[in-house]
Amino acid sequence: MAELQQANNIAHLSKSLVSLLHATMYKGQDLIPLSEEVAHVKSYVSIQKVAYIDSFDVHWALDPAILSCRILRFILQPIVENSILHNFVGTNSEKGQIKISGEKREISFV
């Protein structure tokens, strides 16, 4: 209905909420691809940007080579949530910035 009425912000918010709700349904997988975790966090961020009146931006710098790596489900979302709640909410400062970056590195043990 929101799309038919051209209420794009409500349509986008609804899609983000549905996506996040689907992500929270435990499917017996503790480890998921990073790409899936990023999608969850992007849905969460979309909802929070509406709730906190676009008071922050998130910048992504992820090496495509790591997107298939498996990580713990919902490991990034609490970090982003704490960044928002403890740095940007209730402040009158300039727009907040969150940068999420990742790359593959070779590790050598001596």
N, C-alpha and C. Protein backbone atom coordinates (compact mmCIF):
# COMPACT_ATOMS: atom_id res chain seq x y z
N MET A 1 0.82 -1.19 0.00
CA MET A 1 0.00 0.00 0.00
C MET A 1 0.86 1.25 0.00
N ALA A 2 1.96 1.20 0.76
CA ALA A 2 2.84 2.36 0.81
C ALA A 2 3.42 2.66 -0.56
N GLU A 3 3.78 1.62 -1.31
CA GLU A 3 4.31 1.82 -2.65
C GLU A 3 3.25 2.39 -3.59
N LEU A 4 2.03 1.89 -3.50
CA LEU A 4 0.95 2.39 -4.34
C LEU A 4 0.65 3.86 -4.06
N GLN A 5 0.78 4.24 -2.80
CA GLN A 5 0.52 5.62 -2.41
C GLN A 5 1.77 6.48 -2.54
N GLN A 6 2.82 5.91 -3.06
CA GLN A 6 4.10 6.58 -3.26
C GLN A 6 4.68 7.15 -1.96
N ALA A 7 4.42 6.43 -0.88
CA ALA A 7 5.02 6.76 0.42
C ALA A 7 6.30 5.95 0.52
N ASN A 8 7.30 6.35 -0.26
CA ASN A 8 8.52 5.56 -0.40
C ASN A 8 9.26 5.33 0.90
N ASN A 9 9.26 6.31 1.79
CA ASN A 9 9.96 6.13 3.06
C ASN A 9 9.30 5.03 3.90
N ILE A 10 7.99 4.97 3.88
CA ILE A 10 7.28 3.93 4.63
C ILE A 10 7.49 2.57 3.97
N ALA A 11 7.49 2.53 2.65
CA ALA A 11 7.72 1.27 1.94
C ALA A 11 9.12 0.74 2.24
N HIS A 12 10.11 1.62 2.21
CA HIS A 12 11.49 1.22 2.49
C HIS A 12 11.63 0.73 3.93
N LEU A 13 11.03 1.44 4.86
CA LEU A 13 11.08 1.06 6.27
C LEU A 13 10.42 -0.30 6.48
N SER A 14 9.29 -0.52 5.84
CA SER A 14 8.58 -1.80 5.98
C SER A 14 9.41 -2.95 5.43
N LYS A 15 10.05 -2.75 4.28
CA LYS A 15 10.89 -3.79 3.70
C LYS A 15 12.08 -4.09 4.60
N SER A 16 12.67 -3.06 5.18
CA SER A 16 13.81 -3.26 6.09
C SER A 16 13.39 -4.03 7.32
N LEU A 17 12.23 -3.70 7.85
CA LEU A 17 11.74 -4.39 9.05
C LEU A 17 11.46 -5.86 8.75
N VAL A 18 10.83 -6.14 7.63
CA VAL A 18 10.55 -7.53 7.25
C VAL A 18 11.85 -8.29 7.06
N SER A 19 12.82 -7.67 6.41
CA SER A 19 14.12 -8.32 6.20
C SER A 19 14.80 -8.63 7.52
N LEU A 20 14.77 -7.70 8.45
CA LEU A 20 15.39 -7.91 9.75
C LEU A 20 14.66 -8.99 10.55
N LEU A 21 13.35 -9.02 10.46
CA LEU A 21 12.58 -10.05 11.16
C LEU A 21 12.90 -11.44 10.60
N HIS A 22 13.03 -11.55 9.30
CA HIS A 22 13.41 -12.83 8.70
C HIS A 22 14.79 -13.25 9.19
N ALA A 23 15.69 -12.31 9.32
CA ALA A 23 17.05 -12.63 9.76
C ALA A 23 17.08 -13.14 11.19
N THR A 24 16.17 -12.67 12.02
CA THR A 24 16.18 -13.06 13.43
C THR A 24 15.61 -14.45 13.65
N MET A 25 14.91 -14.96 12.66
CA MET A 25 14.36 -16.31 12.80
C MET A 25 15.50 -17.31 12.71
N TYR A 26 15.77 -17.97 13.80
CA TYR A 26 16.90 -18.89 13.88
C TYR A 26 16.64 -20.10 12.99
N LYS A 27 17.57 -20.35 12.10
CA LYS A 27 17.44 -21.46 11.15
C LYS A 27 18.45 -22.56 11.46
N GLY A 28 18.96 -22.58 12.68
CA GLY A 28 19.91 -23.61 13.05
C GLY A 28 21.32 -23.35 12.56
N GLN A 29 21.57 -22.17 12.05
CA GLN A 29 22.90 -21.83 11.54
C GLN A 29 23.51 -20.74 12.41
N ASP A 30 24.58 -21.08 13.11
CA ASP A 30 25.28 -20.08 13.91
C ASP A 30 26.23 -19.25 13.05
N LEU A 31 26.76 -19.87 11.99
CA LEU A 31 27.68 -19.20 11.10
C LEU A 31 26.99 -18.91 9.77
N ILE A 32 27.11 -17.67 9.31
CA ILE A 32 26.50 -17.27 8.05
C ILE A 32 27.54 -16.51 7.22
N PRO A 33 27.35 -16.40 5.92
CA PRO A 33 28.28 -15.62 5.11
C PRO A 33 28.26 -14.15 5.54
N LEU A 34 29.40 -13.51 5.47
CA LEU A 34 29.49 -12.09 5.81
C LEU A 34 28.50 -11.28 4.99
N SER A 35 28.29 -11.65 3.73
CA SER A 35 27.35 -10.91 2.88
C SER A 35 25.95 -10.90 3.48
N GLU A 36 25.55 -12.01 4.10
CA GLU A 36 24.23 -12.09 4.74
C GLU A 36 24.19 -11.21 5.99
N GLU A 37 25.26 -11.23 6.76
CA GLU A 37 25.34 -10.39 7.96
C GLU A 37 25.29 -8.91 7.58
N VAL A 38 25.97 -8.55 6.51
CA VAL A 38 25.95 -7.16 6.03
C VAL A 38 24.52 -6.76 5.65
N ALA A 39 23.80 -7.64 4.98
CA ALA A 39 22.42 -7.36 4.60
C ALA A 39 21.56 -7.12 5.84
N HIS A 40 21.77 -7.92 6.90
CA HIS A 40 21.03 -7.73 8.15
C HIS A 40 21.32 -6.36 8.75
N VAL A 41 22.59 -6.01 8.80
CA VAL A 41 22.98 -4.73 9.40
C VAL A 41 22.44 -3.57 8.57
N LYS A 42 22.44 -3.69 7.26
CA LYS A 42 21.90 -2.62 6.42
C LYS A 42 20.41 -2.43 6.68
N SER A 43 19.67 -3.51 6.89
CA SER A 43 18.25 -3.39 7.24
C SER A 43 18.09 -2.70 8.59
N TYR A 44 18.90 -3.10 9.55
CA TYR A 44 18.85 -2.49 10.87
C TYR A 44 19.16 -0.99 10.79
N VAL A 45 20.19 -0.65 10.03
CA VAL A 45 20.59 0.76 9.88
C VAL A 45 19.47 1.57 9.24
N SER A 46 18.80 1.02 8.24
CA SER A 46 17.70 1.73 7.59
C SER A 46 16.61 2.10 8.60
N ILE A 47 16.31 1.17 9.47
CA ILE A 47 15.29 1.42 10.50
C ILE A 47 15.77 2.48 11.48
N GLN A 48 17.01 2.39 11.91
CA GLN A 48 17.54 3.35 12.88
C GLN A 48 17.69 4.75 12.30
N LYS A 49 17.99 4.84 11.01
CA LYS A 49 18.11 6.16 10.39
C LYS A 49 16.76 6.89 10.41
N VAL A 50 15.68 6.14 10.29
CA VAL A 50 14.35 6.74 10.40
C VAL A 50 14.08 7.13 11.85
N ALA A 51 14.39 6.22 12.77
CA ALA A 51 14.13 6.47 14.19
C ALA A 51 14.92 7.65 14.72
N TYR A 52 16.15 7.82 14.26
CA TYR A 52 17.01 8.89 14.76
C TYR A 52 17.21 10.00 13.75
N ILE A 53 16.24 10.16 12.89
CA ILE A 53 16.16 11.28 11.96
C ILE A 53 17.46 11.50 11.20
N ASP A 54 17.98 10.42 10.65
CA ASP A 54 19.14 10.50 9.77
C ASP A 54 20.31 11.23 10.41
N SER A 55 20.58 10.93 11.70
CA SER A 55 21.64 11.64 12.43
C SER A 55 23.02 11.00 12.26
N PHE A 56 23.11 9.97 11.42
CA PHE A 56 24.39 9.30 11.20
C PHE A 56 24.41 8.66 9.82
N ASP A 57 25.60 8.37 9.35
CA ASP A 57 25.80 7.63 8.10
C ASP A 57 26.69 6.43 8.38
N VAL A 58 26.52 5.39 7.60
CA VAL A 58 27.37 4.22 7.69
C VAL A 58 28.09 4.08 6.36
N HIS A 59 29.40 3.94 6.44
CA HIS A 59 30.24 3.76 5.25
C HIS A 59 30.81 2.35 5.27
N TRP A 60 30.67 1.66 4.17
CA TRP A 60 31.12 0.28 4.04
C TRP A 60 32.37 0.22 3.17
N ALA A 61 33.38 -0.48 3.62
CA ALA A 61 34.60 -0.71 2.84
C ALA A 61 35.02 -2.16 3.04
N LEU A 62 34.32 -3.05 2.36
CA LEU A 62 34.58 -4.47 2.53
C LEU A 62 35.16 -5.04 1.25
N ASP A 63 36.25 -5.77 1.40
CA ASP A 63 36.87 -6.45 0.27
C ASP A 63 35.90 -7.55 -0.20
N PRO A 64 35.53 -7.54 -1.48
CA PRO A 64 34.61 -8.57 -1.98
C PRO A 64 35.10 -10.00 -1.72
N ALA A 65 36.40 -10.18 -1.58
CA ALA A 65 36.96 -11.51 -1.34
C ALA A 65 36.54 -12.09 0.01
N ILE A 66 36.09 -11.27 0.94
CA ILE A 66 35.72 -11.79 2.26
C ILE A 66 34.22 -12.00 2.43
N LEU A 67 33.42 -11.57 1.47
CA LEU A 67 31.97 -11.64 1.63
C LEU A 67 31.44 -13.07 1.75
N SER A 68 32.18 -14.04 1.27
CA SER A 68 31.73 -15.43 1.40
C SER A 68 32.24 -16.08 2.69
N CYS A 69 33.11 -15.40 3.41
CA CYS A 69 33.62 -15.93 4.69
C CYS A 69 32.47 -16.05 5.68
N ARG A 70 32.48 -17.12 6.46
CA ARG A 70 31.40 -17.34 7.42
C ARG A 70 31.78 -16.72 8.77
N ILE A 71 30.81 -16.02 9.35
CA ILE A 71 31.01 -15.38 10.65
C ILE A 71 29.81 -15.70 11.54
N LEU A 72 29.92 -15.39 12.81
CA LEU A 72 28.81 -15.60 13.73
C LEU A 72 27.62 -14.72 13.35
N ARG A 73 26.45 -15.31 13.40
CA ARG A 73 25.21 -14.58 13.13
C ARG A 73 25.06 -13.43 14.13
N PHE A 74 24.68 -12.28 13.65
CA PHE A 74 24.42 -11.07 14.45
C PHE A 74 25.61 -10.63 15.28
N ILE A 75 26.79 -10.72 14.72
CA ILE A 75 27.97 -10.23 15.44
C ILE A 75 28.19 -8.74 15.18
N LEU A 76 27.81 -8.25 14.02
CA LEU A 76 28.02 -6.84 13.69
C LEU A 76 26.90 -5.93 14.21
N GLN A 77 25.69 -6.41 14.21
CA GLN A 77 24.55 -5.56 14.57
C GLN A 77 24.68 -4.93 15.96
N PRO A 78 25.06 -5.68 17.00
CA PRO A 78 25.20 -5.05 18.33
C PRO A 78 26.29 -3.98 18.36
N ILE A 79 27.34 -4.17 17.57
CA ILE A 79 28.42 -3.16 17.52
C ILE A 79 27.89 -1.87 16.90
N VAL A 80 27.16 -2.01 15.81
CA VAL A 80 26.58 -0.83 15.16
C VAL A 80 25.55 -0.18 16.08
N GLU A 81 24.73 -0.99 16.73
CA GLU A 81 23.72 -0.47 17.66
C GLU A 81 24.37 0.34 18.78
N ASN A 82 25.43 -0.19 19.39
CA ASN A 82 26.11 0.53 20.45
C ASN A 82 26.75 1.82 19.94
N SER A 83 27.27 1.78 18.73
CA SER A 83 27.83 3.00 18.13
C SER A 83 26.78 4.08 18.01
N ILE A 84 25.61 3.69 17.57
CA ILE A 84 24.51 4.65 17.41
C ILE A 84 24.06 5.18 18.77
N LEU A 85 23.76 4.27 19.68
CA LEU A 85 23.18 4.67 20.97
C LEU A 85 24.14 5.46 21.84
N HIS A 86 25.42 5.13 21.80
CA HIS A 86 26.36 5.77 22.71
C HIS A 86 27.15 6.92 22.10
N ASN A 87 26.97 7.15 20.81
CA ASN A 87 27.72 8.23 20.18
C ASN A 87 26.86 9.30 19.53
N PHE A 88 25.68 8.93 19.04
CA PHE A 88 24.93 9.88 18.22
C PHE A 88 23.57 10.27 18.81
N VAL A 89 22.97 9.42 19.60
CA VAL A 89 21.63 9.69 20.11
C VAL A 89 21.70 10.72 21.23
N GLY A 90 20.88 11.74 21.10
CA GLY A 90 20.80 12.76 22.13
C GLY A 90 21.89 13.80 22.09
N THR A 91 22.73 13.77 21.09
CA THR A 91 23.77 14.79 20.97
C THR A 91 23.35 15.80 19.92
N ASN A 92 23.81 16.97 20.08
CA ASN A 92 23.51 18.03 19.11
C ASN A 92 24.70 18.28 18.20
N SER A 93 25.59 17.31 18.14
CA SER A 93 26.79 17.48 17.34
C SER A 93 26.49 17.21 15.87
N GLU A 94 27.53 17.31 15.07
CA GLU A 94 27.37 17.08 13.64
C GLU A 94 26.97 15.64 13.38
N LYS A 95 26.58 15.36 12.15
CA LYS A 95 26.13 14.04 11.75
C LYS A 95 27.22 13.00 12.03
N GLY A 96 26.84 11.90 12.68
CA GLY A 96 27.77 10.86 13.04
C GLY A 96 28.18 10.00 11.85
N GLN A 97 29.35 9.40 11.97
CA GLN A 97 29.89 8.55 10.92
C GLN A 97 30.31 7.21 11.51
N ILE A 98 29.86 6.13 10.90
CA ILE A 98 30.29 4.79 11.27
C ILE A 98 30.95 4.19 10.04
N LYS A 99 32.14 3.67 10.20
CA LYS A 99 32.83 3.02 9.08
C LYS A 99 33.04 1.56 9.42
N ILE A 100 32.58 0.70 8.53
CA ILE A 100 32.74 -0.73 8.69
C ILE A 100 33.62 -1.21 7.55
N SER A 101 34.78 -1.73 7.91
CA SER A 101 35.72 -2.15 6.88
C SER A 101 36.22 -3.55 7.18
N GLY A 102 36.65 -4.23 6.14
CA GLY A 102 37.21 -5.56 6.30
C GLY A 102 38.00 -5.95 5.08
N GLU A 103 39.08 -6.67 5.33
CA GLU A 103 39.92 -7.14 4.24
C GLU A 103 40.55 -8.46 4.66
N LYS A 104 41.00 -9.19 3.67
CA LYS A 104 41.67 -10.46 3.92
C LYS A 104 43.16 -10.21 4.03
N ARG A 105 43.77 -10.75 5.08
CA ARG A 105 45.20 -10.61 5.30
C ARG A 105 45.81 -11.97 5.57
N GLU A 106 47.02 -12.12 5.13
CA GLU A 106 47.76 -13.33 5.44
C GLU A 106 48.37 -13.16 6.83
N ILE A 107 48.26 -14.18 7.62
CA ILE A 107 48.82 -14.13 8.97
C ILE A 107 49.92 -15.18 9.05
N SER A 108 51.04 -14.77 9.60
CA SER A 108 52.12 -15.73 9.79
C SER A 108 52.45 -15.79 11.26
N PHE A 109 52.64 -17.00 11.73
CA PHE A 109 53.00 -17.22 13.12
C PHE A 109 54.46 -17.65 13.17
N VAL A 110 55.17 -17.03 14.06
CA VAL A 110 56.60 -17.36 14.19
C VAL A 110 56.80 -18.34 15.30
